[in-house]
Amino acid sequence: MKFRFATHAAGIVGLGLAAALLVPVNAFCQTQATNYGPPATSYAVEAARYPDAASKPTPHTADGHPDLTGVWHHFFGGLVAKVGDNSFVVNFGQSVPRSKAGGPPAPQAMPDPDPEYKPQFMAKVKKLNDNQVKEDQTLHCGPPGVPRMGPPQEIVQTSKQVVFLYADSTGNYWRAIPVDGRGHNTNPELEDSYNGDSIGRWDGDTLVVDVTRLTDDSWLADNGFYHTNKLHVVERLRRVGDTIQYQMTADDPAVLAKPWVISRTLTLQPDTLDEAARCVDNDAGHYVNSEHHDNAR
């Protein structure tokens, strides 16, 4: 019998929002208020389990392209973060990284760079961030969208399309990306969406995914980092052994001073990707303050 426990940004008894539930520190066996972020740490934890992953042979499909099929990351991965004086985001999916006496240091990762906005738009970013608990729809089970949901957690590759799968705190998502040479959908009636219109092509051994028609209802990332419907995202995935070098470039010339670039190293995981539990918003209407809530991916 298999049991799973997953906490949700918006949901299980309101855990994580400062105004929804105040939890003593020792309730989760934590001796002090500690933040084990940044977001990239969970990728570093997975990579540390398989230090020789990049030196493995790189498998290829019958058509000669690198084989990207596999589970590459788990969203619920070893992050415990303080979000208020007495409230925390807690994750039981994997153990929090800790160094051992005489052993190697715990995996670390540098914080992601923030998107750089044009000066006239910084006030809006601050206003959204200051009112995050009401303005950030992912705290209320809204989809994160591209690029905020991050790299794919599982990939299924065929000769005609590549499918990206995600088990996120707000639900389960998928993107079917054609790699058969077609262009973007030019139908003027097609509405912008959270995942946009994605097409893929191979540039040597690198899969390049071009994404347009992204709704401005989503954010680029936490902390009020909004975007317009002029956003253009390009993802690049190159398999090296049992790793994928992932890079995301978000360009929104309407508000950004320059393109925003995020890089990740994904590590092949031997297990399956568990489906995320249904997200239920138990927090709306129950705020007592605007305490900031970490919602890192």
Protein backbone atom coordinates (compact mmCIF):
# COMPACT_ATOMS: atom_id res chain seq x y z
CA MET A 1 0.00 0.00 0.00
CA LYS A 2 1.35 3.40 -0.96
CA PHE A 3 0.69 6.60 0.94
CA ARG A 4 1.41 10.10 -0.25
CA PHE A 5 1.24 13.41 1.56
CA ALA A 6 1.49 16.70 -0.29
CA THR A 7 1.07 20.23 1.03
CA HIS A 8 -0.41 22.84 -1.26
CA ALA A 9 0.23 26.54 -1.60
CA ALA A 10 -3.45 27.33 -1.49
CA GLY A 11 -4.94 24.50 0.19
CA ILE A 12 -4.73 21.71 2.73
CA VAL A 13 -6.37 23.37 5.77
CA GLY A 14 -4.78 26.57 4.57
CA LEU A 15 -1.26 25.48 5.54
CA GLY A 16 1.33 28.02 4.48
CA LEU A 17 -0.59 31.29 4.47
CA ALA A 18 0.28 33.29 7.55
CA ALA A 19 -3.25 34.51 8.05
CA ALA A 20 -4.82 31.08 7.67
CA LEU A 21 -3.02 28.92 10.21
CA LEU A 22 -0.43 29.77 12.83
CA VAL A 23 1.76 26.76 13.56
CA PRO A 24 4.27 26.44 16.43
CA VAL A 25 7.81 25.84 15.24
CA ASN A 26 8.17 22.54 17.07
CA ALA A 27 5.02 21.15 15.47
CA PHE A 28 7.17 20.01 12.56
CA CYS A 29 10.27 19.11 14.60
CA GLN A 30 12.07 22.28 13.56
CA THR A 31 14.21 23.79 16.29
CA GLN A 32 14.34 27.25 14.75
CA ALA A 33 12.79 29.37 12.04
CA THR A 34 14.83 28.32 9.03
CA ASN A 35 14.52 28.90 5.31
CA TYR A 36 15.99 26.10 3.21
CA GLY A 37 15.36 27.84 -0.13
CA PRO A 38 16.25 29.07 -2.75
CA PRO A 39 14.01 27.47 -5.39
CA ALA A 40 16.91 25.84 -7.21
CA THR A 41 17.93 23.92 -4.07
CA SER A 42 15.58 21.02 -4.79
CA TYR A 43 17.28 20.52 -8.16
CA ALA A 44 20.66 20.49 -6.42
CA VAL A 45 19.38 17.89 -3.95
CA GLU A 46 18.30 15.58 -6.78
CA ALA A 47 21.62 16.07 -8.60
CA ALA A 48 23.61 15.28 -5.44
CA ARG A 49 22.02 11.84 -5.26
CA TYR A 50 23.50 10.94 -8.65
CA PRO A 51 26.88 12.72 -8.88
CA ASP A 52 27.96 10.76 -11.97
CA ALA A 53 24.76 11.40 -13.94
CA ALA A 54 26.32 13.74 -16.51
CA SER A 55 29.09 11.24 -17.32
CA LYS A 56 26.67 8.51 -18.40
CA PRO A 57 26.17 7.79 -22.13
CA THR A 58 23.52 9.96 -23.77
CA PRO A 59 20.83 7.73 -25.30
CA HIS A 60 19.28 8.60 -28.66
CA THR A 61 16.00 7.73 -30.32
CA ALA A 62 15.66 5.90 -33.62
CA ASP A 63 15.60 9.21 -35.52
CA GLY A 64 18.95 10.23 -34.03
CA HIS A 65 17.82 12.86 -31.54
CA PRO A 66 18.78 12.68 -27.86
CA ASP A 67 16.11 10.79 -25.91
CA LEU A 68 14.50 13.18 -23.42
CA THR A 69 11.92 10.69 -22.15
CA GLY A 70 11.95 10.21 -18.38
CA VAL A 71 11.20 11.73 -15.00
CA TRP A 72 13.54 14.69 -14.45
CA HIS A 73 12.34 16.48 -11.34
CA HIS A 74 9.81 16.36 -8.50
CA PHE A 75 8.12 19.60 -7.50
CA PHE A 76 7.66 18.57 -3.86
CA GLY A 77 11.31 18.47 -2.98
CA GLY A 78 12.85 19.33 0.34
CA LEU A 79 11.87 22.93 0.95
CA VAL A 80 10.82 24.21 4.37
CA ALA A 81 10.43 27.97 4.44
CA LYS A 82 9.39 30.55 7.00
CA VAL A 83 6.53 32.76 5.82
CA GLY A 84 5.74 34.64 9.03
CA ASP A 85 6.68 34.85 12.68
CA ASN A 86 4.88 31.60 13.42
CA SER A 87 3.92 30.09 10.08
CA PHE A 88 5.73 27.93 7.58
CA VAL A 89 5.49 26.20 4.23
CA VAL A 90 6.24 22.56 5.01
CA ASN A 91 7.06 19.78 2.56
CA PHE A 92 7.23 16.16 3.54
CA GLY A 93 8.02 14.87 0.04
CA GLN A 94 11.75 14.58 0.56
CA SER A 95 14.15 15.22 3.42
CA VAL A 96 15.59 18.68 3.92
CA PRO A 97 19.26 18.76 2.85
CA ARG A 98 21.65 18.66 5.79
CA SER A 99 25.40 18.18 5.95
CA LYS A 100 26.84 15.39 8.11
CA ALA A 101 29.95 15.47 10.24
CA GLY A 102 32.90 14.46 8.09
CA GLY A 103 30.73 14.24 4.99
CA PRO A 104 30.24 16.47 1.96
CA PRO A 105 28.40 19.78 2.41
CA ALA A 106 24.66 19.87 1.85
CA PRO A 107 23.66 20.77 -1.73
CA GLN A 108 23.44 24.50 -2.29
CA ALA A 109 22.18 26.64 -5.13
CA MET A 110 22.45 30.32 -5.88
CA PRO A 111 19.18 32.30 -5.85
CA ASP A 112 17.67 32.99 -9.24
CA PRO A 113 18.19 36.49 -10.64
CA ASP A 114 15.11 38.67 -10.53
CA PRO A 115 13.54 39.90 -13.76
CA GLU A 116 14.81 43.41 -14.51
CA TYR A 117 11.96 45.85 -15.18
CA LYS A 118 11.98 49.26 -16.78
CA PRO A 119 11.99 51.89 -14.02
CA GLN A 120 8.46 53.12 -14.69
CA PHE A 121 7.02 49.66 -13.94
CA MET A 122 8.77 48.96 -10.64
CA ALA A 123 5.98 50.59 -8.62
CA LYS A 124 3.47 48.10 -10.03
CA VAL A 125 5.74 45.17 -9.19
CA LYS A 126 6.02 46.45 -5.60
CA LYS A 127 2.26 46.96 -5.30
CA LEU A 128 1.53 43.43 -6.52
CA ASN A 129 4.16 41.98 -4.20
CA ASP A 130 2.89 43.93 -1.18
CA ASN A 131 -0.60 42.53 -1.85
CA GLN A 132 0.66 39.08 -2.86
CA VAL A 133 -1.77 37.04 -0.77
CA LYS A 134 -4.66 38.54 -2.72
CA GLU A 135 -3.03 39.21 -6.10
CA ASP A 136 -1.11 35.95 -6.63
CA GLN A 137 -3.63 33.57 -8.15
CA THR A 138 -1.44 30.50 -7.59
CA LEU A 139 -2.11 30.90 -3.86
CA HIS A 140 -5.76 30.29 -4.74
CA CYS A 141 -5.28 27.25 -6.98
CA GLY A 142 -4.81 29.25 -10.17
CA PRO A 143 -2.45 27.78 -12.79
CA PRO A 144 1.12 29.13 -12.70
CA GLY A 145 1.50 29.06 -16.48
CA VAL A 146 4.65 29.36 -18.58
CA PRO A 147 7.35 30.12 -17.58
CA ARG A 148 6.48 30.16 -13.88
CA MET A 149 5.78 26.42 -13.59
CA GLY A 150 9.44 25.81 -14.42
CA PRO A 151 11.12 22.98 -16.32
CA PRO A 152 9.15 19.83 -17.17
CA GLN A 153 9.08 17.23 -14.42
CA GLU A 154 8.49 14.37 -16.86
CA ILE A 155 8.97 14.21 -20.63
CA VAL A 156 7.42 11.81 -23.13
CA GLN A 157 9.08 12.06 -26.55
CA THR A 158 7.92 10.80 -29.93
CA SER A 159 9.07 11.61 -33.45
CA LYS A 160 6.22 14.10 -33.94
CA GLN A 161 5.78 15.70 -30.53
CA VAL A 162 7.28 16.09 -27.07
CA VAL A 163 4.95 16.14 -24.07
CA PHE A 164 5.89 18.01 -20.86
CA LEU A 165 4.17 16.84 -17.64
CA TYR A 166 3.94 18.71 -14.34
CA ALA A 167 2.58 17.83 -10.87
CA ASP A 168 2.34 21.28 -9.31
CA SER A 169 0.99 22.55 -6.00
CA THR A 170 -2.02 23.93 -7.88
CA GLY A 171 -2.76 20.80 -9.94
CA ASN A 172 -1.53 18.63 -12.80
CA TYR A 173 -0.60 20.15 -16.15
CA TRP A 174 0.66 19.02 -19.54
CA ARG A 175 1.99 20.63 -22.72
CA ALA A 176 1.99 18.87 -26.09
CA ILE A 177 4.74 20.43 -28.22
CA PRO A 178 4.86 19.52 -31.93
CA VAL A 179 8.33 18.93 -33.41
CA ASP A 180 7.16 18.13 -36.93
CA GLY A 181 8.16 21.43 -38.54
CA ARG A 182 4.88 23.27 -38.20
CA GLY A 183 4.78 26.96 -37.22
CA HIS A 184 2.74 28.79 -34.62
CA ASN A 185 -1.04 28.73 -34.85
CA THR A 186 -2.03 31.87 -36.79
CA ASN A 187 -5.77 31.63 -36.10
CA PRO A 188 -6.74 35.19 -35.00
CA GLU A 189 -9.57 33.74 -32.90
CA LEU A 190 -7.14 31.73 -30.75
CA GLU A 191 -7.12 33.16 -27.23
CA ASP A 192 -4.03 33.66 -25.13
CA SER A 193 -3.60 30.98 -22.48
CA TYR A 194 -1.54 30.11 -19.40
CA ASN A 195 0.68 27.66 -21.29
CA GLY A 196 0.60 29.54 -24.57
CA ASP A 197 1.22 28.19 -28.07
CA SER A 198 4.40 26.07 -28.09
CA ILE A 199 6.28 24.69 -31.08
CA GLY A 200 9.55 22.77 -30.96
CA ARG A 201 12.50 22.23 -33.25
CA TRP A 202 15.86 20.54 -32.98
CA ASP A 203 19.00 22.68 -33.12
CA GLY A 204 21.60 19.94 -33.31
CA ASP A 205 21.23 18.01 -30.03
CA THR A 206 19.22 20.80 -28.35
CA LEU A 207 15.43 20.91 -28.29
CA VAL A 208 14.28 24.52 -28.70
CA VAL A 209 10.72 25.32 -27.61
CA ASP A 210 9.24 28.64 -28.76
CA VAL A 211 6.21 29.88 -26.79
CA THR A 212 3.87 32.73 -27.73
CA ARG A 213 0.24 33.77 -27.01
CA LEU A 214 0.68 33.78 -23.22
CA THR A 215 -2.06 35.38 -21.13
CA ASP A 216 -1.14 38.32 -18.95
CA ASP A 217 -3.24 36.83 -16.12
CA SER A 218 -0.16 34.93 -14.90
CA TRP A 219 3.16 36.08 -13.42
CA LEU A 220 6.71 35.34 -14.51
CA ALA A 221 7.58 34.29 -10.96
CA ASP A 222 6.76 35.08 -7.32
CA ASN A 223 6.93 38.54 -5.79
CA GLY A 224 4.73 40.45 -8.19
CA PHE A 225 6.81 39.78 -11.30
CA TYR A 226 4.04 40.30 -13.82
CA HIS A 227 4.20 40.35 -17.62
CA THR A 228 2.10 41.50 -20.57
CA ASN A 229 0.68 39.52 -23.48
CA LYS A 230 3.77 40.53 -25.46
CA LEU A 231 5.75 37.92 -23.53
CA HIS A 232 7.83 35.56 -25.66
CA VAL A 233 9.47 32.54 -24.02
CA VAL A 234 12.17 30.27 -25.44
CA GLU A 235 13.17 27.06 -23.66
CA ARG A 236 16.29 25.09 -24.55
CA LEU A 237 16.84 21.49 -23.41
CA ARG A 238 20.07 19.56 -24.08
CA ARG A 239 20.59 16.08 -22.68
CA VAL A 240 24.05 15.31 -21.30
CA GLY A 241 24.25 11.77 -19.97
CA ASP A 242 21.48 11.41 -17.41
CA THR A 243 21.02 15.17 -17.06
CA ILE A 244 19.25 17.86 -19.04
CA GLN A 245 20.70 21.33 -19.26
CA TYR A 246 17.60 23.54 -19.25
CA GLN A 247 17.55 27.25 -20.03
CA MET A 248 14.53 29.55 -20.16
CA THR A 249 14.59 33.03 -21.68
CA ALA A 250 11.58 35.31 -21.15
CA ASP A 251 11.46 38.46 -23.26
CA ASP A 252 8.73 41.04 -22.69
CA PRO A 253 9.93 44.33 -24.23
CA ALA A 254 6.77 46.08 -23.04
CA VAL A 255 7.89 45.99 -19.38
CA LEU A 256 11.29 44.28 -19.04
CA ALA A 257 14.55 46.18 -19.42
CA LYS A 258 16.19 43.04 -20.81
CA PRO A 259 15.33 39.34 -21.30
CA TRP A 260 15.16 37.28 -18.11
CA VAL A 261 17.20 34.06 -18.18
CA ILE A 262 16.94 31.08 -15.80
CA SER A 263 19.11 27.93 -16.01
CA ARG A 264 18.61 24.54 -14.37
CA THR A 265 20.31 21.16 -14.38
CA LEU A 266 17.70 18.39 -14.36
CA THR A 267 18.72 14.92 -13.21
CA LEU A 268 17.10 11.69 -14.37
CA GLN A 269 15.07 10.16 -11.53
CA PRO A 270 14.54 6.39 -11.23
CA ASP A 271 10.97 6.54 -9.93
CA THR A 272 7.64 7.73 -11.29
CA LEU A 273 6.01 11.15 -11.15
CA ASP A 274 3.17 11.04 -8.63
CA GLU A 275 -0.01 12.87 -9.51
CA ALA A 276 -0.60 15.94 -7.34
CA ALA A 277 -3.65 16.00 -5.11
CA ARG A 278 -6.49 18.34 -5.99
CA CYS A 279 -5.84 21.90 -4.89
CA VAL A 280 -8.56 23.42 -2.69
CA ASP A 281 -8.56 27.12 -1.79
CA ASN A 282 -9.32 27.30 1.92
CA ASP A 283 -7.61 30.65 2.46
CA ALA A 284 -9.59 33.23 0.47
CA GLY A 285 -11.44 35.61 2.74
CA HIS A 286 -9.59 34.57 5.90
CA TYR A 287 -6.60 36.91 5.90
CA VAL A 288 -5.70 38.85 9.01
CA ASN A 289 -2.63 40.49 7.48
CA SER A 290 -0.57 40.57 4.27
CA GLU A 291 2.27 38.35 5.47
CA HIS A 292 4.33 37.26 2.47
CA HIS A 293 4.05 33.63 1.37
CA ASP A 294 6.94 31.79 -0.27
CA ASN A 295 5.66 29.88 -3.29
CA ALA A 296 8.90 28.92 -4.98
CA ARG A 297 9.08 26.43 -7.84
